[in-house]
Amino acid sequence: MEIVAEAQAPVAAPVAESHLEIELAGGHRMRISGSYDPEALARLIRGLTA
């Protein structure tokens, strides 16, 4: 009879959350979490600061 240690599953590394914070004119701040479309974000910022 042979005794074999149980194989342990590798510990998964935590998934890094994507966070972005942009300070706009007038002291306004925009916070984005997760994925985003850079072009859409640029259009939104231009619209907010126009």
C-alpha atoms as a PDB file:
ATOM      1  CA  MET A   1       0.000   0.000   0.000  1.00  0.00           C
ATOM      2  CA  GLU A   2       1.267   3.475  -0.859  1.00  0.00           C
ATOM      3  CA  ILE A   3       0.256   6.702   0.933  1.00  0.00           C
ATOM      4  CA  VAL A   4       0.172   9.757  -1.294  1.00  0.00           C
ATOM      5  CA  ALA A   5      -0.463  13.318  -0.127  1.00  0.00           C
ATOM      6  CA  GLU A   6      -3.611  14.868  -1.542  1.00  0.00           C
ATOM      7  CA  ALA A   7      -2.945  17.232  -4.379  1.00  0.00           C
ATOM      8  CA  GLN A   8      -3.995  20.735  -3.470  1.00  0.00           C
ATOM      9  CA  ALA A   9      -5.455  23.036  -6.066  1.00  0.00           C
ATOM     10  CA  PRO A  10      -3.292  26.109  -6.647  1.00  0.00           C
ATOM     11  CA  VAL A  11      -4.530  29.189  -4.873  1.00  0.00           C
ATOM     12  CA  ALA A  12      -5.956  31.605  -7.410  1.00  0.00           C
ATOM     13  CA  ALA A  13      -4.611  35.121  -7.271  1.00  0.00           C
ATOM     14  CA  PRO A  14      -7.281  37.740  -6.628  1.00  0.00           C
ATOM     15  CA  VAL A  15      -8.481  39.543  -9.720  1.00  0.00           C
ATOM     16  CA  ALA A  16      -7.398  43.159  -9.718  1.00  0.00           C
ATOM     17  CA  GLU A  17     -10.250  45.616  -9.992  1.00  0.00           C
ATOM     18  CA  SER A  18      -9.766  48.376 -12.503  1.00  0.00           C
ATOM     19  CA  HIS A  19     -10.391  51.835 -11.034  1.00  0.00           C
ATOM     20  CA  LEU A  20      -9.917  55.196 -12.661  1.00  0.00           C
ATOM     21  CA  GLU A  21     -10.445  58.599 -11.065  1.00  0.00           C
ATOM     22  CA  ILE A  22     -10.427  61.814 -13.086  1.00  0.00           C
ATOM     23  CA  GLU A  23     -10.560  65.272 -11.574  1.00  0.00           C
ATOM     24  CA  LEU A  24     -12.444  67.696 -13.803  1.00  0.00           C
ATOM     25  CA  ALA A  25     -12.566  71.496 -13.807  1.00  0.00           C
ATOM     26  CA  GLY A  26     -14.565  73.065 -11.014  1.00  0.00           C
ATOM     27  CA  GLY A  27     -13.529  70.408  -8.499  1.00  0.00           C
ATOM     28  CA  HIS A  28     -15.767  67.709  -9.978  1.00  0.00           C
ATOM     29  CA  ARG A  29     -14.466  64.167  -9.862  1.00  0.00           C
ATOM     30  CA  MET A  30     -15.362  61.188 -12.033  1.00  0.00           C
ATOM     31  CA  ARG A  31     -14.785  57.633 -10.785  1.00  0.00           C
ATOM     32  CA  ILE A  32     -14.929  54.649 -13.111  1.00  0.00           C
ATOM     33  CA  SER A  33     -14.736  51.026 -11.980  1.00  0.00           C
ATOM     34  CA  GLY A  34     -14.342  48.059 -14.269  1.00  0.00           C
ATOM     35  CA  SER A  35     -13.732  48.103 -17.981  1.00  0.00           C
ATOM     36  CA  TYR A  36     -14.502  51.128 -20.125  1.00  0.00           C
ATOM     37  CA  ASP A  37     -14.232  52.336 -23.703  1.00  0.00           C
ATOM     38  CA  PRO A  38     -11.500  55.014 -23.772  1.00  0.00           C
ATOM     39  CA  GLU A  39     -13.027  56.788 -26.789  1.00  0.00           C
ATOM     40  CA  ALA A  40     -16.488  56.934 -25.215  1.00  0.00           C
ATOM     41  CA  LEU A  41     -14.955  58.181 -21.968  1.00  0.00           C
ATOM     42  CA  ALA A  42     -13.076  60.934 -23.842  1.00  0.00           C
ATOM     43  CA  ARG A  43     -16.329  62.030 -25.551  1.00  0.00           C
ATOM     44  CA  LEU A  44     -18.115  62.077 -22.195  1.00  0.00           C
ATOM     45  CA  ILE A  45     -15.382  64.195 -20.592  1.00  0.00           C
ATOM     46  CA  ARG A  46     -15.388  66.618 -23.528  1.00  0.00           C
ATOM     47  CA  GLY A  47     -19.171  66.934 -23.218  1.00  0.00           C
ATOM     48  CA  LEU A  48     -19.007  67.565 -19.487  1.00  0.00           C
ATOM     49  CA  THR A  49     -16.293  70.189 -19.759  1.00  0.00           C
ATOM     50  CA  ALA A  50     -17.732  72.035 -22.785  1.00  0.00           C
END
